[in-house]
Amino acid sequence: MLVILDKYFKELTINELYDLLQLRSEVFVVEQDCVYQDVDGKDRIALHILGFKDDELVAYTRAFKPGQYFSEASIGRVVVKKEERANDYGYDIMKASMVAVQEHFNTAKISVSAQTYLKSFYKNLGFEEVGDAYEEDGIPHIKMIKYQ
């Protein structure tokens, strides 16, 4: 079971910040073999949702108010440590992130820029495809929205 916290940038400890950047790099840069600028300057305005198992960060997302990334509120950098994916922590962290968006930003309408191979994962969470697929950092993506 995950212990999930949501924090704004200024509330993160140095260790939490280091761990979330390390996890994102481990998955998005190394595992997916994608060279891109993960530290993009947006972490300072994001709400960070952290999922811990036995005090180790194993799942993470970041969320934005409407207008900060997309016109809708949005969730991104959805990541689960490779060794923990069989535990459905992706669903746990996304459900917690959707609740956090509702509580912090007072909206249930949420966008994601989903890697296309994860469409069914997001559909299971109530998201719908919007528009055509596009490439982002060399990986096929599609915009998906959860309307309520």
N, C-alpha and C. Protein backbone atom coordinates (compact mmCIF):
# COMPACT_ATOMS: atom_id res chain seq x y z
N MET A 1 0.84 -1.19 0.00
CA MET A 1 0.00 0.00 0.00
C MET A 1 0.88 1.24 0.00
N LEU A 2 0.49 2.20 -0.81
CA LEU A 2 1.25 3.44 -0.91
C LEU A 2 0.81 4.46 0.13
N VAL A 3 1.78 5.20 0.64
CA VAL A 3 1.51 6.40 1.42
C VAL A 3 1.69 7.54 0.42
N ILE A 4 0.63 8.32 0.22
CA ILE A 4 0.67 9.35 -0.82
C ILE A 4 0.57 10.73 -0.19
N LEU A 5 1.50 11.59 -0.61
CA LEU A 5 1.54 12.97 -0.15
C LEU A 5 1.44 13.90 -1.35
N ASP A 6 0.82 15.06 -1.18
CA ASP A 6 0.88 16.07 -2.22
C ASP A 6 1.48 17.33 -1.62
N LYS A 7 2.43 17.90 -2.38
CA LYS A 7 3.17 19.05 -1.89
C LYS A 7 3.48 20.00 -3.04
N TYR A 8 3.48 21.26 -2.73
CA TYR A 8 3.99 22.24 -3.68
C TYR A 8 5.51 22.25 -3.58
N PHE A 9 6.15 22.81 -4.60
CA PHE A 9 7.61 22.78 -4.72
C PHE A 9 8.30 23.25 -3.44
N LYS A 10 7.86 24.37 -2.90
CA LYS A 10 8.53 24.94 -1.72
C LYS A 10 8.37 24.05 -0.48
N GLU A 11 7.42 23.11 -0.52
CA GLU A 11 7.19 22.22 0.62
C GLU A 11 8.01 20.93 0.54
N LEU A 12 8.56 20.66 -0.64
CA LEU A 12 9.36 19.43 -0.81
C LEU A 12 10.64 19.51 0.00
N THR A 13 11.02 18.39 0.60
CA THR A 13 12.34 18.33 1.22
C THR A 13 13.38 18.15 0.12
N ILE A 14 14.61 18.41 0.45
CA ILE A 14 15.69 18.20 -0.53
C ILE A 14 15.73 16.74 -0.95
N ASN A 15 15.54 15.82 -0.02
CA ASN A 15 15.55 14.40 -0.36
C ASN A 15 14.38 14.01 -1.25
N GLU A 16 13.20 14.56 -0.99
CA GLU A 16 12.05 14.27 -1.85
C GLU A 16 12.29 14.78 -3.26
N LEU A 17 12.82 15.99 -3.38
CA LEU A 17 13.11 16.55 -4.70
C LEU A 17 14.14 15.69 -5.43
N TYR A 18 15.19 15.32 -4.75
CA TYR A 18 16.22 14.47 -5.36
C TYR A 18 15.61 13.15 -5.81
N ASP A 19 14.81 12.53 -4.95
CA ASP A 19 14.21 11.22 -5.27
C ASP A 19 13.25 11.30 -6.45
N LEU A 20 12.45 12.36 -6.54
CA LEU A 20 11.51 12.46 -7.65
C LEU A 20 12.25 12.72 -8.96
N LEU A 21 13.28 13.54 -8.92
CA LEU A 21 14.07 13.77 -10.14
C LEU A 21 14.81 12.51 -10.56
N GLN A 22 15.31 11.76 -9.58
CA GLN A 22 16.00 10.51 -9.89
C GLN A 22 15.04 9.49 -10.50
N LEU A 23 13.84 9.35 -9.95
CA LEU A 23 12.85 8.41 -10.48
C LEU A 23 12.44 8.81 -11.90
N ARG A 24 12.18 10.07 -12.13
CA ARG A 24 11.81 10.52 -13.46
C ARG A 24 12.93 10.25 -14.46
N SER A 25 14.15 10.53 -14.08
CA SER A 25 15.29 10.28 -14.96
C SER A 25 15.48 8.79 -15.23
N GLU A 26 15.34 8.00 -14.19
CA GLU A 26 15.48 6.54 -14.29
C GLU A 26 14.52 5.97 -15.33
N VAL A 27 13.28 6.45 -15.35
CA VAL A 27 12.27 5.91 -16.25
C VAL A 27 12.25 6.64 -17.59
N PHE A 28 12.09 7.95 -17.56
CA PHE A 28 11.87 8.69 -18.80
C PHE A 28 13.14 8.86 -19.65
N VAL A 29 14.29 8.96 -19.02
CA VAL A 29 15.52 9.17 -19.78
C VAL A 29 16.24 7.85 -20.03
N VAL A 30 16.50 7.08 -18.96
CA VAL A 30 17.29 5.85 -19.10
C VAL A 30 16.45 4.70 -19.67
N GLU A 31 15.36 4.33 -18.98
CA GLU A 31 14.56 3.18 -19.41
C GLU A 31 13.94 3.40 -20.80
N GLN A 32 13.41 4.59 -21.04
CA GLN A 32 12.76 4.85 -22.32
C GLN A 32 13.75 5.37 -23.36
N ASP A 33 15.01 5.47 -22.98
CA ASP A 33 16.07 5.89 -23.90
C ASP A 33 15.67 7.16 -24.65
N CYS A 34 15.28 8.17 -23.88
CA CYS A 34 14.78 9.42 -24.46
C CYS A 34 15.57 10.59 -23.88
N VAL A 35 16.34 11.22 -24.71
CA VAL A 35 17.09 12.38 -24.26
C VAL A 35 16.19 13.61 -24.39
N TYR A 36 15.84 14.19 -23.26
CA TYR A 36 15.00 15.38 -23.26
C TYR A 36 15.24 16.14 -21.98
N GLN A 37 14.78 17.36 -21.92
CA GLN A 37 14.98 18.22 -20.76
C GLN A 37 13.87 17.98 -19.73
N ASP A 38 14.11 17.04 -18.83
CA ASP A 38 13.11 16.73 -17.80
C ASP A 38 12.95 17.90 -16.82
N VAL A 39 14.04 18.48 -16.41
CA VAL A 39 13.98 19.62 -15.49
C VAL A 39 13.69 20.84 -16.36
N ASP A 40 12.38 21.12 -16.50
CA ASP A 40 11.89 22.07 -17.50
C ASP A 40 11.44 23.41 -16.93
N GLY A 41 11.70 23.64 -15.66
CA GLY A 41 11.30 24.90 -15.05
C GLY A 41 9.87 24.91 -14.54
N LYS A 42 9.09 23.88 -14.85
CA LYS A 42 7.68 23.85 -14.45
C LYS A 42 7.46 23.24 -13.07
N ASP A 43 8.49 22.58 -12.53
CA ASP A 43 8.33 21.97 -11.21
C ASP A 43 8.02 23.00 -10.14
N ARG A 44 8.51 24.22 -10.32
CA ARG A 44 8.31 25.26 -9.31
C ARG A 44 6.84 25.67 -9.16
N ILE A 45 6.04 25.48 -10.23
CA ILE A 45 4.62 25.88 -10.14
C ILE A 45 3.69 24.67 -10.00
N ALA A 46 4.26 23.47 -10.04
CA ALA A 46 3.45 22.25 -10.00
C ALA A 46 3.10 21.83 -8.58
N LEU A 47 2.02 21.06 -8.50
CA LEU A 47 1.69 20.31 -7.29
C LEU A 47 2.28 18.92 -7.51
N HIS A 48 3.09 18.46 -6.58
CA HIS A 48 3.78 17.18 -6.72
C HIS A 48 3.06 16.13 -5.88
N ILE A 49 2.75 15.00 -6.49
CA ILE A 49 2.07 13.91 -5.80
C ILE A 49 3.07 12.76 -5.72
N LEU A 50 3.40 12.38 -4.50
CA LEU A 50 4.46 11.40 -4.25
C LEU A 50 3.89 10.16 -3.60
N GLY A 51 4.23 8.99 -4.13
CA GLY A 51 3.77 7.72 -3.58
C GLY A 51 4.93 6.93 -3.00
N PHE A 52 4.86 6.67 -1.69
CA PHE A 52 5.94 5.99 -0.99
C PHE A 52 5.53 4.58 -0.56
N LYS A 53 6.45 3.66 -0.72
CA LYS A 53 6.29 2.30 -0.20
C LYS A 53 7.50 2.06 0.70
N ASP A 54 7.25 1.80 1.96
CA ASP A 54 8.34 1.60 2.93
C ASP A 54 9.36 2.74 2.86
N ASP A 55 8.87 3.96 2.84
CA ASP A 55 9.69 5.18 2.82
C ASP A 55 10.51 5.36 1.55
N GLU A 56 10.24 4.59 0.50
CA GLU A 56 10.93 4.76 -0.78
C GLU A 56 9.92 5.32 -1.79
N LEU A 57 10.33 6.35 -2.54
CA LEU A 57 9.47 6.91 -3.57
C LEU A 57 9.39 5.92 -4.73
N VAL A 58 8.17 5.42 -5.00
CA VAL A 58 7.99 4.43 -6.07
C VAL A 58 7.00 4.88 -7.12
N ALA A 59 6.26 5.97 -6.85
CA ALA A 59 5.28 6.48 -7.81
C ALA A 59 5.20 8.00 -7.65
N TYR A 60 4.91 8.66 -8.76
CA TYR A 60 4.94 10.12 -8.74
C TYR A 60 4.14 10.68 -9.91
N THR A 61 3.55 11.85 -9.70
CA THR A 61 3.00 12.69 -10.77
C THR A 61 3.21 14.15 -10.37
N ARG A 62 2.98 15.02 -11.33
CA ARG A 62 2.88 16.44 -11.00
C ARG A 62 1.62 16.97 -11.68
N ALA A 63 1.01 17.96 -11.04
CA ALA A 63 -0.26 18.49 -11.53
C ALA A 63 -0.17 20.01 -11.63
N PHE A 64 -0.99 20.54 -12.56
CA PHE A 64 -1.01 21.98 -12.81
C PHE A 64 -2.43 22.51 -12.80
N LYS A 65 -2.57 23.75 -12.36
CA LYS A 65 -3.85 24.45 -12.41
C LYS A 65 -4.27 24.64 -13.86
N PRO A 66 -5.57 24.85 -14.10
CA PRO A 66 -6.00 25.21 -15.46
C PRO A 66 -5.22 26.43 -15.95
N GLY A 67 -4.77 26.35 -17.20
CA GLY A 67 -4.06 27.46 -17.80
C GLY A 67 -2.55 27.45 -17.61
N GLN A 68 -2.04 26.61 -16.71
CA GLN A 68 -0.60 26.58 -16.49
C GLN A 68 0.11 25.69 -17.51
N TYR A 69 -0.56 24.67 -17.99
CA TYR A 69 0.04 23.75 -18.96
C TYR A 69 -0.90 23.59 -20.15
N PHE A 70 -2.12 23.13 -19.86
CA PHE A 70 -3.21 23.09 -20.84
C PHE A 70 -4.29 24.05 -20.35
N SER A 71 -5.33 24.25 -21.15
CA SER A 71 -6.41 25.12 -20.68
C SER A 71 -7.12 24.47 -19.49
N GLU A 72 -7.13 23.14 -19.44
CA GLU A 72 -7.70 22.41 -18.31
C GLU A 72 -6.60 22.18 -17.27
N ALA A 73 -6.99 21.77 -16.07
CA ALA A 73 -6.00 21.27 -15.12
C ALA A 73 -5.33 20.07 -15.78
N SER A 74 -4.10 19.78 -15.37
CA SER A 74 -3.41 18.66 -16.02
C SER A 74 -2.54 17.89 -15.04
N ILE A 75 -2.31 16.64 -15.41
CA ILE A 75 -1.42 15.76 -14.66
C ILE A 75 -0.39 15.24 -15.64
N GLY A 76 0.86 15.24 -15.21
CA GLY A 76 1.93 14.76 -16.07
C GLY A 76 3.03 14.10 -15.28
N ARG A 77 4.08 13.71 -16.02
CA ARG A 77 5.23 13.01 -15.44
C ARG A 77 4.76 11.82 -14.58
N VAL A 78 3.75 11.11 -15.08
CA VAL A 78 3.20 9.96 -14.36
C VAL A 78 4.24 8.84 -14.45
N VAL A 79 4.72 8.40 -13.30
CA VAL A 79 5.82 7.44 -13.30
C VAL A 79 5.70 6.49 -12.11
N VAL A 80 6.02 5.22 -12.37
CA VAL A 80 6.08 4.19 -11.33
C VAL A 80 7.40 3.45 -11.53
N LYS A 81 8.10 3.22 -10.45
CA LYS A 81 9.35 2.48 -10.49
C LYS A 81 9.11 1.12 -11.16
N LYS A 82 9.98 0.74 -12.06
CA LYS A 82 9.79 -0.46 -12.87
C LYS A 82 9.46 -1.69 -12.03
N GLU A 83 10.19 -1.88 -10.95
CA GLU A 83 10.00 -3.06 -10.11
C GLU A 83 8.66 -3.08 -9.38
N GLU A 84 7.94 -1.98 -9.39
CA GLU A 84 6.69 -1.87 -8.63
C GLU A 84 5.45 -1.80 -9.52
N ARG A 85 5.61 -1.87 -10.83
CA ARG A 85 4.46 -1.68 -11.73
C ARG A 85 3.41 -2.77 -11.61
N ALA A 86 3.80 -3.97 -11.27
CA ALA A 86 2.83 -5.07 -11.15
C ALA A 86 1.86 -4.85 -9.99
N ASN A 87 2.14 -3.90 -9.11
CA ASN A 87 1.31 -3.63 -7.94
C ASN A 87 0.18 -2.64 -8.20
N ASP A 88 0.00 -2.22 -9.46
CA ASP A 88 -1.05 -1.26 -9.82
C ASP A 88 -0.88 0.10 -9.16
N TYR A 89 0.35 0.45 -8.82
CA TYR A 89 0.59 1.76 -8.21
C TYR A 89 0.31 2.90 -9.18
N GLY A 90 0.34 2.62 -10.48
CA GLY A 90 -0.02 3.64 -11.45
C GLY A 90 -1.44 4.11 -11.24
N TYR A 91 -2.35 3.16 -11.00
CA TYR A 91 -3.74 3.53 -10.73
C TYR A 91 -3.85 4.28 -9.40
N ASP A 92 -3.12 3.81 -8.39
CA ASP A 92 -3.18 4.45 -7.08
C ASP A 92 -2.71 5.90 -7.15
N ILE A 93 -1.58 6.13 -7.82
CA ILE A 93 -1.05 7.50 -7.86
C ILE A 93 -1.92 8.40 -8.73
N MET A 94 -2.49 7.85 -9.81
CA MET A 94 -3.38 8.67 -10.65
C MET A 94 -4.67 9.00 -9.93
N LYS A 95 -5.26 8.05 -9.23
CA LYS A 95 -6.49 8.33 -8.48
C LYS A 95 -6.23 9.39 -7.41
N ALA A 96 -5.11 9.27 -6.71
CA ALA A 96 -4.75 10.27 -5.71
C ALA A 96 -4.50 11.63 -6.36
N SER A 97 -3.92 11.62 -7.54
CA SER A 97 -3.64 12.87 -8.26
C SER A 97 -4.93 13.55 -8.70
N MET A 98 -5.90 12.76 -9.15
CA MET A 98 -7.19 13.34 -9.55
C MET A 98 -7.90 13.95 -8.34
N VAL A 99 -7.81 13.30 -7.20
CA VAL A 99 -8.39 13.86 -5.97
C VAL A 99 -7.66 15.15 -5.59
N ALA A 100 -6.34 15.14 -5.70
CA ALA A 100 -5.55 16.34 -5.37
C ALA A 100 -5.92 17.50 -6.28
N VAL A 101 -6.11 17.24 -7.57
CA VAL A 101 -6.52 18.29 -8.51
C VAL A 101 -7.87 18.87 -8.08
N GLN A 102 -8.79 18.00 -7.74
CA GLN A 102 -10.12 18.46 -7.30
C GLN A 102 -9.99 19.32 -6.04
N GLU A 103 -9.20 18.86 -5.07
CA GLU A 103 -9.08 19.57 -3.80
C GLU A 103 -8.30 20.88 -3.93
N HIS A 104 -7.21 20.88 -4.68
CA HIS A 104 -6.36 22.07 -4.77
C HIS A 104 -6.83 23.07 -5.83
N PHE A 105 -7.40 22.57 -6.93
CA PHE A 105 -7.73 23.44 -8.06
C PHE A 105 -9.23 23.55 -8.31
N ASN A 106 -10.04 22.83 -7.51
CA ASN A 106 -11.49 22.91 -7.58
C ASN A 106 -12.05 22.60 -8.97
N THR A 107 -11.51 21.57 -9.60
CA THR A 107 -12.02 21.13 -10.90
C THR A 107 -11.80 19.63 -11.05
N ALA A 108 -12.70 19.00 -11.77
CA ALA A 108 -12.55 17.57 -12.07
C ALA A 108 -12.18 17.35 -13.54
N LYS A 109 -12.13 18.44 -14.32
CA LYS A 109 -11.76 18.33 -15.73
C LYS A 109 -10.23 18.37 -15.82
N ILE A 110 -9.65 17.27 -16.29
CA ILE A 110 -8.20 17.09 -16.25
C ILE A 110 -7.69 16.58 -17.59
N SER A 111 -6.58 17.16 -18.05
CA SER A 111 -5.90 16.72 -19.28
C SER A 111 -4.64 15.94 -18.94
N VAL A 112 -4.31 15.03 -19.82
CA VAL A 112 -3.00 14.37 -19.79
C VAL A 112 -2.48 14.31 -21.22
N SER A 113 -1.17 14.35 -21.35
CA SER A 113 -0.52 14.09 -22.62
C SER A 113 0.00 12.66 -22.50
N ALA A 114 -0.80 11.71 -22.97
CA ALA A 114 -0.55 10.29 -22.71
C ALA A 114 0.32 9.67 -23.79
N GLN A 115 1.30 8.88 -23.37
CA GLN A 115 2.00 8.06 -24.35
C GLN A 115 0.96 7.11 -24.93
N THR A 116 0.94 6.97 -26.25
CA THR A 116 -0.17 6.26 -26.89
C THR A 116 -0.29 4.82 -26.43
N TYR A 117 0.80 4.18 -26.05
CA TYR A 117 0.69 2.79 -25.61
C TYR A 117 -0.02 2.67 -24.26
N LEU A 118 -0.25 3.80 -23.59
CA LEU A 118 -0.93 3.80 -22.30
C LEU A 118 -2.39 4.28 -22.39
N LYS A 119 -2.93 4.37 -23.61
CA LYS A 119 -4.32 4.85 -23.76
C LYS A 119 -5.31 4.05 -22.92
N SER A 120 -5.19 2.73 -22.91
CA SER A 120 -6.17 1.93 -22.16
C SER A 120 -6.05 2.17 -20.65
N PHE A 121 -4.85 2.41 -20.17
CA PHE A 121 -4.64 2.74 -18.75
C PHE A 121 -5.45 4.00 -18.41
N TYR A 122 -5.30 5.04 -19.22
CA TYR A 122 -6.02 6.29 -18.95
C TYR A 122 -7.52 6.15 -19.19
N LYS A 123 -7.92 5.37 -20.19
CA LYS A 123 -9.35 5.12 -20.42
C LYS A 123 -9.98 4.45 -19.20
N ASN A 124 -9.24 3.53 -18.57
CA ASN A 124 -9.74 2.87 -17.36
C ASN A 124 -9.94 3.85 -16.21
N LEU A 125 -9.29 4.99 -16.28
CA LEU A 125 -9.44 6.03 -15.26
C LEU A 125 -10.46 7.09 -15.66
N GLY A 126 -11.12 6.90 -16.81
CA GLY A 126 -12.18 7.82 -17.23
C GLY A 126 -11.75 8.88 -18.23
N PHE A 127 -10.54 8.79 -18.75
CA PHE A 127 -10.07 9.76 -19.75
C PHE A 127 -10.52 9.35 -21.14
N GLU A 128 -10.73 10.36 -22.00
CA GLU A 128 -11.13 10.14 -23.39
C GLU A 128 -10.12 10.80 -24.32
N GLU A 129 -9.87 10.16 -25.45
CA GLU A 129 -8.94 10.72 -26.45
C GLU A 129 -9.52 11.99 -27.05
N VAL A 130 -8.65 12.97 -27.28
CA VAL A 130 -9.04 14.22 -27.91
C VAL A 130 -8.04 14.50 -29.02
N GLY A 131 -8.51 14.61 -30.25
CA GLY A 131 -7.63 14.95 -31.36
C GLY A 131 -6.79 13.78 -31.84
N ASP A 132 -5.76 14.13 -32.60
CA ASP A 132 -4.89 13.13 -33.21
C ASP A 132 -3.63 12.92 -32.39
N ALA A 133 -3.00 11.79 -32.63
CA ALA A 133 -1.73 11.49 -31.97
C ALA A 133 -0.67 12.47 -32.47
N TYR A 134 0.33 12.72 -31.66
CA TYR A 134 1.44 13.61 -32.00
C TYR A 134 2.70 13.07 -31.35
N GLU A 135 3.83 13.57 -31.80
CA GLU A 135 5.09 13.12 -31.25
C GLU A 135 5.60 14.17 -30.26
N GLU A 136 6.04 13.68 -29.12
CA GLU A 136 6.62 14.55 -28.09
C GLU A 136 7.90 13.89 -27.62
N ASP A 137 9.02 14.54 -27.80
CA ASP A 137 10.33 14.00 -27.42
C ASP A 137 10.59 12.64 -28.06
N GLY A 138 10.11 12.49 -29.30
CA GLY A 138 10.37 11.25 -30.05
C GLY A 138 9.47 10.09 -29.69
N ILE A 139 8.44 10.34 -28.86
CA ILE A 139 7.53 9.28 -28.41
C ILE A 139 6.10 9.67 -28.80
N PRO A 140 5.33 8.73 -29.42
CA PRO A 140 3.94 9.04 -29.78
C PRO A 140 3.08 9.31 -28.54
N HIS A 141 2.32 10.39 -28.58
CA HIS A 141 1.43 10.80 -27.50
C HIS A 141 0.06 11.14 -28.06
N ILE A 142 -0.90 11.22 -27.16
CA ILE A 142 -2.23 11.72 -27.52
C ILE A 142 -2.79 12.47 -26.31
N LYS A 143 -3.48 13.57 -26.59
CA LYS A 143 -4.14 14.31 -25.51
C LYS A 143 -5.38 13.56 -25.09
N MET A 144 -5.57 13.43 -23.80
CA MET A 144 -6.75 12.78 -23.25
C MET A 144 -7.31 13.67 -22.14
N ILE A 145 -8.63 13.69 -22.03
CA ILE A 145 -9.29 14.52 -21.02
C ILE A 145 -10.28 13.69 -20.21
N LYS A 146 -10.28 13.95 -18.93
CA LYS A 146 -11.32 13.40 -18.03
C LYS A 146 -12.22 14.58 -17.71
N TYR A 147 -13.50 14.43 -18.10
CA TYR A 147 -14.42 15.56 -17.99
C TYR A 147 -15.06 15.71 -16.61
N GLN A 148 -15.17 14.64 -15.84
CA GLN A 148 -15.71 14.74 -14.49
C GLN A 148 -15.18 13.65 -13.60
